Amino acid sequence: MNLLTMSRPVAALLGALLLGTRPAFAAQPETAPPERDHSAMPMPDGMAGHSMGSSPQLPTSAKPTDMKMDMGSMPDPDAPMEKMDMGSMQGGSAPPDARDPDAYAEGFVYTGMPGMEEADQIVFGKLLADELEFLSGNEGEGFNWSVEGNYGDDKNKVWLRTQGQKIPGQPIDPTTDGEVLWWHPYTAFWGTQLGLRQDFGPGAHHYLAAGIEGLAPYWFDVEATGYVGEDGRLSARCKAFYDLRFTNRLILAPSIEANVYSRSEDQRGLDAGLGNLEGGLRLRYEVHRKFAPYIGYVWERFFAGTADLRRAEDEPVSERRFVAGLRLWW
């Protein structure tokens, strides 16, 4: 390049500045950038043979109709839930060839095989001699008993019980009797009893018996029974027991019993109203759960007309007894 060719653009620029005009440079033709040839670019070994210049093509055997989705079997999302057919999704009856739920037993069903019963189906019996004792008190020396037994399952039991007292030379105690009862559970801790009662001794009566027996709150054993005699007379008896454990074997057992009558009975020394109230304390030692000797003290008081009948016979209206005996059960 010489000086003459270099001075021409400079002169034109200076002239434009002096005249206030825009310099007129020669227009340069616009050219597009050269197109790259991708086929000439080196390709990795795994990509060899692939063309980058065109979009992938579908197989020639594929048709546009083959790509359509069948939307007719899908539920309408705008339809209410109650109108949608849910039968194919869940619920319904099992098919006829479904597995037998009892097939694991190979066709065997419960038949009451001895020793294979469920807990509430087991039939068993029990005999409890709660009091078998020798007594000594202000009325003399004698013998006292309270025995009960039952047989059946957890839904129905036959219940037998008897209690009484006998002091030689005196009439049998008016509370001496025997009962046959049918027991049926009412709740988890209470059961109802229905049956018959038979008095022993002079002036004995037959009674229809109905009552409840069970475990009260704080572990009190309670029996409450009402009686209706053959001549319409009424009677009631209520008993309560409690076991106070000093150790697993040494147990103090307080008890209380009350008897009420609707009519007087001279032969048995009873009058209408509260006949007697008896409280006892017995301390037992369980050598074995089924065998427990004990000693104790019993206080009994007669009330109302029954106390008057005893005074007329010159008998005390209260009794104090020391007892010693055994508590057994089988």
C-alpha atoms as a PDB file:
ATOM      1  CA  MET A   1       0.000   0.000   0.000  1.00  0.00           C
ATOM      2  CA  ASN A   2       1.445   3.451  -0.960  1.00  0.00           C
ATOM      3  CA  LEU A   3       0.920   6.839   0.636  1.00  0.00           C
ATOM      4  CA  LEU A   4      -1.539   7.940  -2.046  1.00  0.00           C
ATOM      5  CA  THR A   5      -4.041   5.235  -1.292  1.00  0.00           C
ATOM      6  CA  MET A   6      -3.773   5.814   2.452  1.00  0.00           C
ATOM      7  CA  SER A   7      -4.373   9.594   2.142  1.00  0.00           C
ATOM      8  CA  ARG A   8      -7.653   9.376   0.300  1.00  0.00           C
ATOM      9  CA  PRO A   9      -9.771   8.181   3.293  1.00  0.00           C
ATOM     10  CA  VAL A  10      -8.002  10.649   5.567  1.00  0.00           C
ATOM     11  CA  ALA A  11      -8.755  13.542   3.214  1.00  0.00           C
ATOM     12  CA  ALA A  12     -12.364  12.521   2.947  1.00  0.00           C
ATOM     13  CA  LEU A  13     -12.688  12.393   6.746  1.00  0.00           C
ATOM     14  CA  LEU A  14     -11.149  15.814   7.174  1.00  0.00           C
ATOM     15  CA  GLY A  15     -13.403  17.284   4.461  1.00  0.00           C
ATOM     16  CA  ALA A  16     -16.474  15.877   6.167  1.00  0.00           C
ATOM     17  CA  LEU A  17     -15.487  17.361   9.484  1.00  0.00           C
ATOM     18  CA  LEU A  18     -14.943  20.802   7.936  1.00  0.00           C
ATOM     19  CA  LEU A  19     -18.197  20.732   5.912  1.00  0.00           C
ATOM     20  CA  GLY A  20     -20.341  18.995   8.636  1.00  0.00           C
ATOM     21  CA  THR A  21     -21.337  16.131   6.408  1.00  0.00           C
ATOM     22  CA  ARG A  22     -21.121  12.367   6.798  1.00  0.00           C
ATOM     23  CA  PRO A  23     -18.303  10.678   4.992  1.00  0.00           C
ATOM     24  CA  ALA A  24     -19.364   8.480   2.126  1.00  0.00           C
ATOM     25  CA  PHE A  25     -17.539   5.235   2.305  1.00  0.00           C
ATOM     26  CA  ALA A  26     -17.890   2.667  -0.342  1.00  0.00           C
ATOM     27  CA  ALA A  27     -20.695   0.267   0.490  1.00  0.00           C
ATOM     28  CA  GLN A  28     -19.522  -3.248   1.258  1.00  0.00           C
ATOM     29  CA  PRO A  29     -21.677  -6.099   0.079  1.00  0.00           C
ATOM     30  CA  GLU A  30     -23.195  -8.162   2.890  1.00  0.00           C
ATOM     31  CA  THR A  31     -22.286 -11.792   2.704  1.00  0.00           C
ATOM     32  CA  ALA A  32     -23.852 -14.703   4.666  1.00  0.00           C
ATOM     33  CA  PRO A  33     -21.537 -16.754   6.858  1.00  0.00           C
ATOM     34  CA  PRO A  34     -20.366 -19.823   5.125  1.00  0.00           C
ATOM     35  CA  GLU A  35     -22.431 -22.947   5.822  1.00  0.00           C
ATOM     36  CA  ARG A  36     -20.610 -25.591   7.727  1.00  0.00           C
ATOM     37  CA  ASP A  37     -20.373 -29.015   6.311  1.00  0.00           C
ATOM     38  CA  HIS A  38     -21.199 -31.305   9.229  1.00  0.00           C
ATOM     39  CA  SER A  39     -20.381 -34.305   7.185  1.00  0.00           C
ATOM     40  CA  ALA A  40     -16.778 -33.247   7.231  1.00  0.00           C
ATOM     41  CA  MET A  41     -16.640 -32.995  11.067  1.00  0.00           C
ATOM     42  CA  PRO A  42     -14.922 -35.870  12.852  1.00  0.00           C
ATOM     43  CA  MET A  43     -17.376 -38.107  14.789  1.00  0.00           C
ATOM     44  CA  PRO A  44     -16.770 -40.314  17.824  1.00  0.00           C
ATOM     45  CA  ASP A  45     -16.491 -44.001  17.200  1.00  0.00           C
ATOM     46  CA  GLY A  46     -19.946 -44.709  18.719  1.00  0.00           C
ATOM     47  CA  MET A  47     -21.653 -42.076  16.579  1.00  0.00           C
ATOM     48  CA  ALA A  48     -20.202 -43.127  13.276  1.00  0.00           C
ATOM     49  CA  GLY A  49     -22.796 -43.650  10.614  1.00  0.00           C
ATOM     50  CA  HIS A  50     -25.386 -41.277  12.154  1.00  0.00           C
ATOM     51  CA  SER A  51     -26.577 -38.222  10.274  1.00  0.00           C
ATOM     52  CA  MET A  52     -26.838 -34.972  12.284  1.00  0.00           C
ATOM     53  CA  GLY A  53     -28.275 -32.901   9.501  1.00  0.00           C
ATOM     54  CA  SER A  54     -31.790 -34.318   9.382  1.00  0.00           C
ATOM     55  CA  SER A  55     -34.549 -35.209  11.868  1.00  0.00           C
ATOM     56  CA  PRO A  56     -35.290 -38.838  12.676  1.00  0.00           C
ATOM     57  CA  GLN A  57     -37.778 -40.523  10.399  1.00  0.00           C
ATOM     58  CA  LEU A  58     -40.504 -43.025  11.347  1.00  0.00           C
ATOM     59  CA  PRO A  59     -40.380 -46.481   9.840  1.00  0.00           C
ATOM     60  CA  THR A  60     -41.941 -46.596   6.423  1.00  0.00           C
ATOM     61  CA  SER A  61     -44.368 -49.291   7.616  1.00  0.00           C
ATOM     62  CA  ALA A  62     -45.874 -47.037  10.339  1.00  0.00           C
ATOM     63  CA  LYS A  63     -49.098 -45.241   9.513  1.00  0.00           C
ATOM     64  CA  PRO A  64     -50.559 -42.128  11.201  1.00  0.00           C
ATOM     65  CA  THR A  65     -53.570 -44.121  12.386  1.00  0.00           C
ATOM     66  CA  ASP A  66     -51.267 -46.489  14.297  1.00  0.00           C
ATOM     67  CA  MET A  67     -50.241 -43.665  16.661  1.00  0.00           C
ATOM     68  CA  LYS A  68     -53.757 -42.757  17.819  1.00  0.00           C
ATOM     69  CA  MET A  69     -54.677 -43.507  21.492  1.00  0.00           C
ATOM     70  CA  ASP A  70     -58.008 -45.091  22.370  1.00  0.00           C
ATOM     71  CA  MET A  71     -59.525 -42.526  24.764  1.00  0.00           C
ATOM     72  CA  GLY A  72     -63.012 -44.051  24.829  1.00  0.00           C
ATOM     73  CA  SER A  73     -62.254 -46.442  27.707  1.00  0.00           C
ATOM     74  CA  MET A  74     -60.967 -43.739  30.052  1.00  0.00           C
ATOM     75  CA  PRO A  75     -63.467 -42.135  32.484  1.00  0.00           C
ATOM     76  CA  ASP A  76     -64.461 -38.555  31.983  1.00  0.00           C
ATOM     77  CA  PRO A  77     -62.607 -36.493  34.642  1.00  0.00           C
ATOM     78  CA  ASP A  78     -65.482 -34.000  34.750  1.00  0.00           C
ATOM     79  CA  ALA A  79     -68.135 -36.654  35.442  1.00  0.00           C
ATOM     80  CA  PRO A  80     -69.517 -36.954  39.037  1.00  0.00           C
ATOM     81  CA  MET A  81     -68.070 -39.762  41.127  1.00  0.00           C
ATOM     82  CA  GLU A  82     -71.445 -41.449  41.590  1.00  0.00           C
ATOM     83  CA  LYS A  83     -71.809 -41.841  37.828  1.00  0.00           C
ATOM     84  CA  MET A  84     -68.419 -43.485  37.321  1.00  0.00           C
ATOM     85  CA  ASP A  85     -68.320 -47.285  37.022  1.00  0.00           C
ATOM     86  CA  MET A  86     -66.088 -48.469  39.879  1.00  0.00           C
ATOM     87  CA  GLY A  87     -66.998 -52.133  39.552  1.00  0.00           C
ATOM     88  CA  SER A  88     -63.907 -52.913  37.545  1.00  0.00           C
ATOM     89  CA  MET A  89     -61.624 -51.230  40.100  1.00  0.00           C
ATOM     90  CA  GLN A  90     -62.572 -52.797  43.465  1.00  0.00           C
ATOM     91  CA  GLY A  91     -65.276 -54.607  45.454  1.00  0.00           C
ATOM     92  CA  GLY A  92     -67.725 -57.167  44.163  1.00  0.00           C
ATOM     93  CA  SER A  93     -68.091 -60.880  44.873  1.00  0.00           C
ATOM     94  CA  ALA A  94     -65.175 -63.265  44.697  1.00  0.00           C
ATOM     95  CA  PRO A  95     -64.998 -65.346  41.529  1.00  0.00           C
ATOM     96  CA  PRO A  96     -66.391 -68.904  41.698  1.00  0.00           C
ATOM     97  CA  ASP A  97     -62.926 -70.426  41.521  1.00  0.00           C
ATOM     98  CA  ALA A  98     -61.535 -68.340  44.410  1.00  0.00           C
ATOM     99  CA  ARG A  99     -59.535 -70.119  47.119  1.00  0.00           C
ATOM    100  CA  ASP A 100     -61.514 -71.656  49.991  1.00  0.00           C
ATOM    101  CA  PRO A 101     -60.679 -69.632  53.165  1.00  0.00           C
ATOM    102  CA  ASP A 102     -60.830 -72.868  55.192  1.00  0.00           C
ATOM    103  CA  ALA A 103     -58.588 -74.786  52.838  1.00  0.00           C
ATOM    104  CA  TYR A 104     -55.672 -74.504  55.298  1.00  0.00           C
ATOM    105  CA  ALA A 105     -57.608 -76.890  57.584  1.00  0.00           C
ATOM    106  CA  GLU A 106     -57.967 -79.414  54.745  1.00  0.00           C
ATOM    107  CA  GLY A 107     -61.722 -79.643  55.262  1.00  0.00           C
ATOM    108  CA  PHE A 108     -61.657 -80.147  59.043  1.00  0.00           C
ATOM    109  CA  VAL A 109     -64.009 -78.027  61.150  1.00  0.00           C
ATOM    110  CA  TYR A 110     -64.429 -77.549  64.932  1.00  0.00           C
ATOM    111  CA  THR A 111     -66.222 -80.556  66.443  1.00  0.00           C
ATOM    112  CA  GLY A 112     -65.735 -80.051  70.203  1.00  0.00           C
ATOM    113  CA  MET A 113     -62.769 -82.395  70.491  1.00  0.00           C
ATOM    114  CA  PRO A 114     -61.936 -82.816  74.207  1.00  0.00           C
ATOM    115  CA  GLY A 115     -58.973 -80.713  75.179  1.00  0.00           C
ATOM    116  CA  MET A 116     -59.218 -78.532  72.053  1.00  0.00           C
ATOM    117  CA  GLU A 117     -62.039 -76.191  73.138  1.00  0.00           C
ATOM    118  CA  GLU A 118     -61.722 -72.430  73.251  1.00  0.00           C
ATOM    119  CA  ALA A 119     -61.424 -70.793  76.676  1.00  0.00           C
ATOM    120  CA  ASP A 120     -65.105 -69.854  76.989  1.00  0.00           C
ATOM    121  CA  GLN A 121     -66.226 -73.343  75.919  1.00  0.00           C
ATOM    122  CA  ILE A 122     -64.342 -75.334  78.538  1.00  0.00           C
ATOM    123  CA  VAL A 123     -66.634 -77.010  81.079  1.00  0.00           C
ATOM    124  CA  PHE A 124     -65.166 -77.367  84.546  1.00  0.00           C
ATOM    125  CA  GLY A 125     -66.260 -77.621  88.166  1.00  0.00           C
ATOM    126  CA  LYS A 126     -65.113 -76.213  91.484  1.00  0.00           C
ATOM    127  CA  LEU A 127     -65.868 -76.973  95.122  1.00  0.00           C
ATOM    128  CA  LEU A 128     -64.940 -74.326  97.698  1.00  0.00           C
ATOM    129  CA  ALA A 129     -65.206 -74.799 101.448  1.00  0.00           C
ATOM    130  CA  ASP A 130     -64.780 -71.159 102.381  1.00  0.00           C
ATOM    131  CA  GLU A 131     -65.534 -71.799 106.070  1.00  0.00           C
ATOM    132  CA  LEU A 132     -65.108 -75.099 107.885  1.00  0.00           C
ATOM    133  CA  GLU A 133     -64.518 -73.946 111.437  1.00  0.00           C
ATOM    134  CA  PHE A 134     -64.779 -74.769 115.086  1.00  0.00           C
ATOM    135  CA  LEU A 135     -66.235 -71.925 117.164  1.00  0.00           C
ATOM    136  CA  SER A 136     -66.204 -70.973 120.808  1.00  0.00           C
ATOM    137  CA  GLY A 137     -68.154 -68.039 122.222  1.00  0.00           C
ATOM    138  CA  ASN A 138     -70.570 -66.749 124.838  1.00  0.00           C
ATOM    139  CA  GLU A 139     -73.205 -69.245 123.588  1.00  0.00           C
ATOM    140  CA  GLY A 140     -70.979 -72.278 123.814  1.00  0.00           C
ATOM    141  CA  GLU A 141     -68.947 -74.329 121.383  1.00  0.00           C
ATOM    142  CA  GLY A 142     -70.078 -75.601 118.027  1.00  0.00           C
ATOM    143  CA  PHE A 143     -69.442 -75.846 114.329  1.00  0.00           C
ATOM    144  CA  ASN A 144     -69.961 -73.423 111.417  1.00  0.00           C
ATOM    145  CA  TRP A 145     -69.765 -73.961 107.655  1.00  0.00           C
ATOM    146  CA  SER A 146     -70.091 -72.117 104.347  1.00  0.00           C
ATOM    147  CA  VAL A 147     -69.578 -74.261 101.234  1.00  0.00           C
ATOM    148  CA  GLU A 148     -70.306 -73.671  97.564  1.00  0.00           C
ATOM    149  CA  GLY A 149     -69.714 -75.487  94.294  1.00  0.00           C
ATOM    150  CA  ASN A 150     -70.353 -74.843  90.629  1.00  0.00           C
ATOM    151  CA  TYR A 151     -70.130 -76.672  87.328  1.00  0.00           C
ATOM    152  CA  GLY A 152     -70.357 -75.370  83.764  1.00  0.00           C
ATOM    153  CA  ASP A 153     -68.703 -73.087  81.222  1.00  0.00           C
ATOM    154  CA  ASP A 154     -68.293 -69.322  81.181  1.00  0.00           C
ATOM    155  CA  LYS A 155     -71.849 -68.807  79.921  1.00  0.00           C
ATOM    156  CA  ASN A 156     -73.910 -71.074  82.184  1.00  0.00           C
ATOM    157  CA  LYS A 157     -73.208 -72.777  85.496  1.00  0.00           C
ATOM    158  CA  VAL A 158     -75.093 -74.861  88.028  1.00  0.00           C
ATOM    159  CA  TRP A 159     -74.389 -73.348  91.437  1.00  0.00           C
ATOM    160  CA  LEU A 160     -74.791 -75.133  94.797  1.00  0.00           C
ATOM    161  CA  ARG A 161     -74.224 -73.457  98.134  1.00  0.00           C
ATOM    162  CA  THR A 162     -75.033 -74.037 101.764  1.00  0.00           C
ATOM    163  CA  GLN A 163     -74.265 -72.338 105.059  1.00  0.00           C
ATOM    164  CA  GLY A 164     -75.231 -72.870 108.660  1.00  0.00           C
ATOM    165  CA  GLN A 165     -74.291 -73.174 112.296  1.00  0.00           C
ATOM    166  CA  LYS A 166     -74.984 -75.726 114.983  1.00  0.00           C
ATOM    167  CA  ILE A 167     -74.254 -75.501 118.685  1.00  0.00           C
ATOM    168  CA  PRO A 168     -75.013 -78.653 120.679  1.00  0.00           C
ATOM    169  CA  GLY A 169     -78.063 -78.292 122.912  1.00  0.00           C
ATOM    170  CA  GLN A 170     -79.532 -75.399 120.889  1.00  0.00           C
ATOM    171  CA  PRO A 171     -81.812 -75.193 117.844  1.00  0.00           C
ATOM    172  CA  ILE A 172     -80.088 -74.961 114.498  1.00  0.00           C
ATOM    173  CA  ASP A 173     -79.291 -71.391 113.443  1.00  0.00           C
ATOM    174  CA  PRO A 174     -82.196 -69.782 111.495  1.00  0.00           C
ATOM    175  CA  THR A 175     -79.851 -68.793 108.627  1.00  0.00           C
ATOM    176  CA  THR A 176     -79.027 -72.467 107.898  1.00  0.00           C
ATOM    177  CA  ASP A 177     -80.111 -73.415 104.373  1.00  0.00           C
ATOM    178  CA  GLY A 178     -79.140 -74.894 101.014  1.00  0.00           C
ATOM    179  CA  GLU A 179     -79.558 -73.443  97.509  1.00  0.00           C
ATOM    180  CA  VAL A 180     -79.553 -74.709  93.908  1.00  0.00           C
ATOM    181  CA  LEU A 181     -79.026 -71.909  91.391  1.00  0.00           C
ATOM    182  CA  TRP A 182     -78.494 -71.326  87.694  1.00  0.00           C
ATOM    183  CA  TRP A 183     -75.768 -68.764  87.044  1.00  0.00           C
ATOM    184  CA  HIS A 184     -75.479 -66.702  83.865  1.00  0.00           C
ATOM    185  CA  PRO A 185     -73.032 -63.820  83.185  1.00  0.00           C
ATOM    186  CA  TYR A 186     -74.494 -60.343  82.973  1.00  0.00           C
ATOM    187  CA  THR A 187     -71.273 -58.349  82.420  1.00  0.00           C
ATOM    188  CA  ALA A 188     -67.570 -59.123  82.601  1.00  0.00           C
ATOM    189  CA  PHE A 189     -67.609 -58.995  86.425  1.00  0.00           C
ATOM    190  CA  TRP A 190     -71.224 -59.766  87.344  1.00  0.00           C
ATOM    191  CA  GLY A 191     -73.580 -62.699  86.950  1.00  0.00           C
ATOM    192  CA  THR A 192     -77.242 -63.349  87.689  1.00  0.00           C
ATOM    193  CA  GLN A 193     -78.536 -66.273  89.750  1.00  0.00           C
ATOM    194  CA  LEU A 194     -81.931 -67.939  89.698  1.00  0.00           C
ATOM    195  CA  GLY A 195     -83.041 -71.037  91.572  1.00  0.00           C
ATOM    196  CA  LEU A 196     -84.456 -72.515  94.782  1.00  0.00           C
ATOM    197  CA  ARG A 197     -83.646 -72.294  98.482  1.00  0.00           C
ATOM    198  CA  GLN A 198     -84.522 -74.762 101.201  1.00  0.00           C
ATOM    199  CA  ASP A 199     -84.352 -73.910 104.921  1.00  0.00           C
ATOM    200  CA  PHE A 200     -83.199 -76.494 107.487  1.00  0.00           C
ATOM    201  CA  GLY A 201     -84.598 -76.976 110.989  1.00  0.00           C
ATOM    202  CA  PRO A 202     -87.962 -76.196 112.614  1.00  0.00           C
ATOM    203  CA  GLY A 203     -90.332 -73.959 110.615  1.00  0.00           C
ATOM    204  CA  ALA A 204     -88.404 -74.505 107.345  1.00  0.00           C
ATOM    205  CA  HIS A 205     -89.748 -72.936 104.128  1.00  0.00           C
ATOM    206  CA  HIS A 206     -89.197 -73.270 100.389  1.00  0.00           C
ATOM    207  CA  TYR A 207     -88.146 -70.164  98.495  1.00  0.00           C
ATOM    208  CA  LEU A 208     -87.682 -69.023  94.941  1.00  0.00           C
ATOM    209  CA  ALA A 209     -84.274 -67.309  94.805  1.00  0.00           C
ATOM    210  CA  ALA A 210     -83.001 -64.604  92.440  1.00  0.00           C
ATOM    211  CA  GLY A 211     -79.924 -62.442  92.805  1.00  0.00           C
ATOM    212  CA  ILE A 212     -76.581 -61.200  91.530  1.00  0.00           C
ATOM    213  CA  GLU A 213     -73.030 -62.181  92.357  1.00  0.00           C
ATOM    214  CA  GLY A 214     -69.762 -60.613  91.245  1.00  0.00           C
ATOM    215  CA  LEU A 215     -66.758 -58.419  91.806  1.00  0.00           C
ATOM    216  CA  ALA A 216     -67.423 -54.818  92.863  1.00  0.00           C
ATOM    217  CA  PRO A 217     -64.908 -51.960  92.407  1.00  0.00           C
ATOM    218  CA  TYR A 218     -61.838 -52.205  94.656  1.00  0.00           C
ATOM    219  CA  TRP A 219     -62.059 -56.024  94.541  1.00  0.00           C
ATOM    220  CA  PHE A 220     -65.006 -56.634  96.858  1.00  0.00           C
ATOM    221  CA  ASP A 221     -66.820 -59.956  96.321  1.00  0.00           C
ATOM    222  CA  VAL A 222     -70.545 -59.283  96.669  1.00  0.00           C
ATOM    223  CA  GLU A 223     -73.610 -61.545  96.818  1.00  0.00           C
ATOM    224  CA  ALA A 224     -77.129 -60.114  96.967  1.00  0.00           C
ATOM    225  CA  THR A 225     -80.095 -62.513  96.809  1.00  0.00           C
ATOM    226  CA  GLY A 226     -83.829 -62.073  97.264  1.00  0.00           C
ATOM    227  CA  TYR A 227     -86.254 -64.875  98.209  1.00  0.00           C
ATOM    228  CA  VAL A 228     -89.990 -65.429  97.809  1.00  0.00           C
ATOM    229  CA  GLY A 229     -91.517 -68.160 100.041  1.00  0.00           C
ATOM    230  CA  GLU A 230     -94.322 -70.558  99.161  1.00  0.00           C
ATOM    231  CA  ASP A 231     -96.697 -68.603 101.392  1.00  0.00           C
ATOM    232  CA  GLY A 232     -95.693 -65.208  99.982  1.00  0.00           C
ATOM    233  CA  ARG A 233     -93.156 -64.298 102.660  1.00  0.00           C
ATOM    234  CA  LEU A 234     -90.085 -62.372 101.510  1.00  0.00           C
ATOM    235  CA  SER A 235     -86.486 -62.499 102.590  1.00  0.00           C
ATOM    236  CA  ALA A 236     -83.156 -61.045 101.450  1.00  0.00           C
ATOM    237  CA  ARG A 237     -79.494 -61.713 102.162  1.00  0.00           C
ATOM    238  CA  CYS A 238     -76.444 -59.648 101.326  1.00  0.00           C
ATOM    239  CA  LYS A 239     -72.816 -60.725 101.797  1.00  0.00           C
ATOM    240  CA  ALA A 240     -69.501 -59.041 101.029  1.00  0.00           C
ATOM    241  CA  PHE A 241     -65.905 -60.273 101.305  1.00  0.00           C
ATOM    242  CA  TYR A 242     -62.475 -58.794 100.786  1.00  0.00           C
ATOM    243  CA  ASP A 243     -58.935 -60.225 100.777  1.00  0.00           C
ATOM    244  CA  LEU A 244     -56.289 -57.970 102.306  1.00  0.00           C
ATOM    245  CA  ARG A 245     -52.900 -59.472 101.458  1.00  0.00           C
ATOM    246  CA  PHE A 246     -49.989 -58.881 103.806  1.00  0.00           C
ATOM    247  CA  THR A 247     -47.891 -61.272 101.732  1.00  0.00           C
ATOM    248  CA  ASN A 248     -48.656 -63.734  98.946  1.00  0.00           C
ATOM    249  CA  ARG A 249     -49.570 -66.312 101.588  1.00  0.00           C
ATOM    250  CA  LEU A 250     -50.699 -64.352 104.678  1.00  0.00           C
ATOM    251  CA  ILE A 251     -54.167 -62.902 104.040  1.00  0.00           C
ATOM    252  CA  LEU A 252     -56.670 -61.095 106.264  1.00  0.00           C
ATOM    253  CA  ALA A 253     -60.270 -61.628 105.071  1.00  0.00           C
ATOM    254  CA  PRO A 254     -62.935 -59.291 106.494  1.00  0.00           C
ATOM    255  CA  SER A 255     -66.577 -60.179 105.766  1.00  0.00           C
ATOM    256  CA  ILE A 256     -70.065 -58.886 106.492  1.00  0.00           C
ATOM    257  CA  GLU A 257     -73.533 -60.437 106.165  1.00  0.00           C
ATOM    258  CA  ALA A 258     -77.068 -59.112 106.722  1.00  0.00           C
ATOM    259  CA  ASN A 259     -80.496 -60.868 106.626  1.00  0.00           C
ATOM    260  CA  VAL A 260     -83.905 -59.191 106.274  1.00  0.00           C
ATOM    261  CA  TYR A 261     -87.379 -60.754 106.669  1.00  0.00           C
ATOM    262  CA  SER A 262     -90.903 -59.590 105.810  1.00  0.00           C
ATOM    263  CA  ARG A 263     -92.786 -61.765 108.350  1.00  0.00           C
ATOM    264  CA  SER A 264     -92.216 -63.149 111.801  1.00  0.00           C
ATOM    265  CA  GLU A 265     -91.505 -66.840 112.347  1.00  0.00           C
ATOM    266  CA  ASP A 266     -91.696 -67.876 115.998  1.00  0.00           C
ATOM    267  CA  GLN A 267     -90.388 -71.402 115.381  1.00  0.00           C
ATOM    268  CA  ARG A 268     -87.187 -70.017 113.950  1.00  0.00           C
ATOM    269  CA  GLY A 269     -86.913 -67.086 116.349  1.00  0.00           C
ATOM    270  CA  LEU A 270     -87.265 -64.450 113.618  1.00  0.00           C
ATOM    271  CA  ASP A 271     -89.357 -61.301 113.296  1.00  0.00           C
ATOM    272  CA  ALA A 272     -90.039 -58.804 110.509  1.00  0.00           C
ATOM    273  CA  GLY A 273     -87.287 -56.330 109.681  1.00  0.00           C
ATOM    274  CA  LEU A 274     -83.521 -56.602 109.927  1.00  0.00           C
ATOM    275  CA  GLY A 275     -82.866 -59.941 111.551  1.00  0.00           C
ATOM    276  CA  ASN A 276     -79.123 -59.934 112.141  1.00  0.00           C
ATOM    277  CA  LEU A 277     -75.852 -58.365 111.088  1.00  0.00           C
ATOM    278  CA  GLU A 278     -72.646 -60.396 111.243  1.00  0.00           C
ATOM    279  CA  GLY A 279     -69.061 -59.223 110.758  1.00  0.00           C
ATOM    280  CA  GLY A 280     -65.918 -61.310 110.822  1.00  0.00           C
ATOM    281  CA  LEU A 281     -62.136 -61.140 110.527  1.00  0.00           C
ATOM    282  CA  ARG A 282     -60.259 -64.276 109.506  1.00  0.00           C
ATOM    283  CA  LEU A 283     -56.503 -64.459 109.118  1.00  0.00           C
ATOM    284  CA  ARG A 284     -55.389 -67.359 106.952  1.00  0.00           C
ATOM    285  CA  TYR A 285     -52.076 -68.723 105.795  1.00  0.00           C
ATOM    286  CA  GLU A 286     -52.080 -70.404 102.395  1.00  0.00           C
ATOM    287  CA  VAL A 287     -49.750 -73.358 102.733  1.00  0.00           C
ATOM    288  CA  HIS A 288     -51.054 -74.136  99.253  1.00  0.00           C
ATOM    289  CA  ARG A 289     -53.612 -72.201  97.240  1.00  0.00           C
ATOM    290  CA  LYS A 290     -56.017 -75.061  97.865  1.00  0.00           C
ATOM    291  CA  PHE A 291     -55.239 -75.495 101.557  1.00  0.00           C
ATOM    292  CA  ALA A 292     -55.249 -72.641 104.065  1.00  0.00           C
ATOM    293  CA  PRO A 293     -55.717 -72.891 107.857  1.00  0.00           C
ATOM    294  CA  TYR A 294     -57.037 -69.768 109.594  1.00  0.00           C
ATOM    295  CA  ILE A 295     -58.057 -68.204 112.881  1.00  0.00           C
ATOM    296  CA  GLY A 296     -60.534 -65.396 113.390  1.00  0.00           C
ATOM    297  CA  TYR A 297     -63.065 -63.425 115.365  1.00  0.00           C
ATOM    298  CA  VAL A 298     -66.804 -63.052 114.588  1.00  0.00           C
ATOM    299  CA  TRP A 299     -69.293 -60.581 116.019  1.00  0.00           C
ATOM    300  CA  GLU A 300     -73.061 -60.933 115.461  1.00  0.00           C
ATOM    301  CA  ARG A 301     -75.889 -58.622 116.519  1.00  0.00           C
ATOM    302  CA  PHE A 302     -79.684 -59.154 116.336  1.00  0.00           C
ATOM    303  CA  PHE A 303     -82.084 -56.255 115.762  1.00  0.00           C
ATOM    304  CA  ALA A 304     -85.727 -55.165 115.996  1.00  0.00           C
ATOM    305  CA  GLY A 305     -88.311 -57.863 116.729  1.00  0.00           C
ATOM    306  CA  THR A 306     -85.757 -60.664 116.423  1.00  0.00           C
ATOM    307  CA  ALA A 307     -83.782 -59.147 119.314  1.00  0.00           C
ATOM    308  CA  ASP A 308     -87.007 -58.949 121.372  1.00  0.00           C
ATOM    309  CA  LEU A 309     -87.706 -62.635 120.754  1.00  0.00           C
ATOM    310  CA  ARG A 310     -84.225 -63.520 121.993  1.00  0.00           C
ATOM    311  CA  ARG A 311     -84.620 -61.414 125.098  1.00  0.00           C
ATOM    312  CA  ALA A 312     -87.923 -63.197 125.808  1.00  0.00           C
ATOM    313  CA  GLU A 313     -86.058 -66.521 125.621  1.00  0.00           C
ATOM    314  CA  ASP A 314     -83.329 -65.145 127.911  1.00  0.00           C
ATOM    315  CA  GLU A 315     -80.761 -65.300 125.100  1.00  0.00           C
ATOM    316  CA  PRO A 316     -78.167 -62.615 124.346  1.00  0.00           C
ATOM    317  CA  VAL A 317     -78.825 -60.205 121.506  1.00  0.00           C
ATOM    318  CA  SER A 318     -75.179 -60.196 120.483  1.00  0.00           C
ATOM    319  CA  GLU A 319     -72.665 -63.007 120.096  1.00  0.00           C
ATOM    320  CA  ARG A 320     -68.879 -63.049 120.097  1.00  0.00           C
ATOM    321  CA  ARG A 321     -67.040 -66.072 118.738  1.00  0.00           C
ATOM    322  CA  PHE A 322     -63.448 -67.121 118.245  1.00  0.00           C
ATOM    323  CA  VAL A 323     -63.040 -69.440 115.312  1.00  0.00           C
ATOM    324  CA  ALA A 324     -60.368 -71.719 113.895  1.00  0.00           C
ATOM    325  CA  GLY A 325     -60.741 -73.699 110.711  1.00  0.00           C
ATOM    326  CA  LEU A 326     -59.673 -74.554 107.184  1.00  0.00           C
ATOM    327  CA  ARG A 327     -60.336 -73.060 103.781  1.00  0.00           C
ATOM    328  CA  LEU A 328     -60.213 -75.695 101.031  1.00  0.00           C
ATOM    329  CA  TRP A 329     -61.042 -75.904  97.370  1.00  0.00           C
ATOM    330  CA  TRP A 330     -60.860 -78.528  94.636  1.00  0.00           C
END
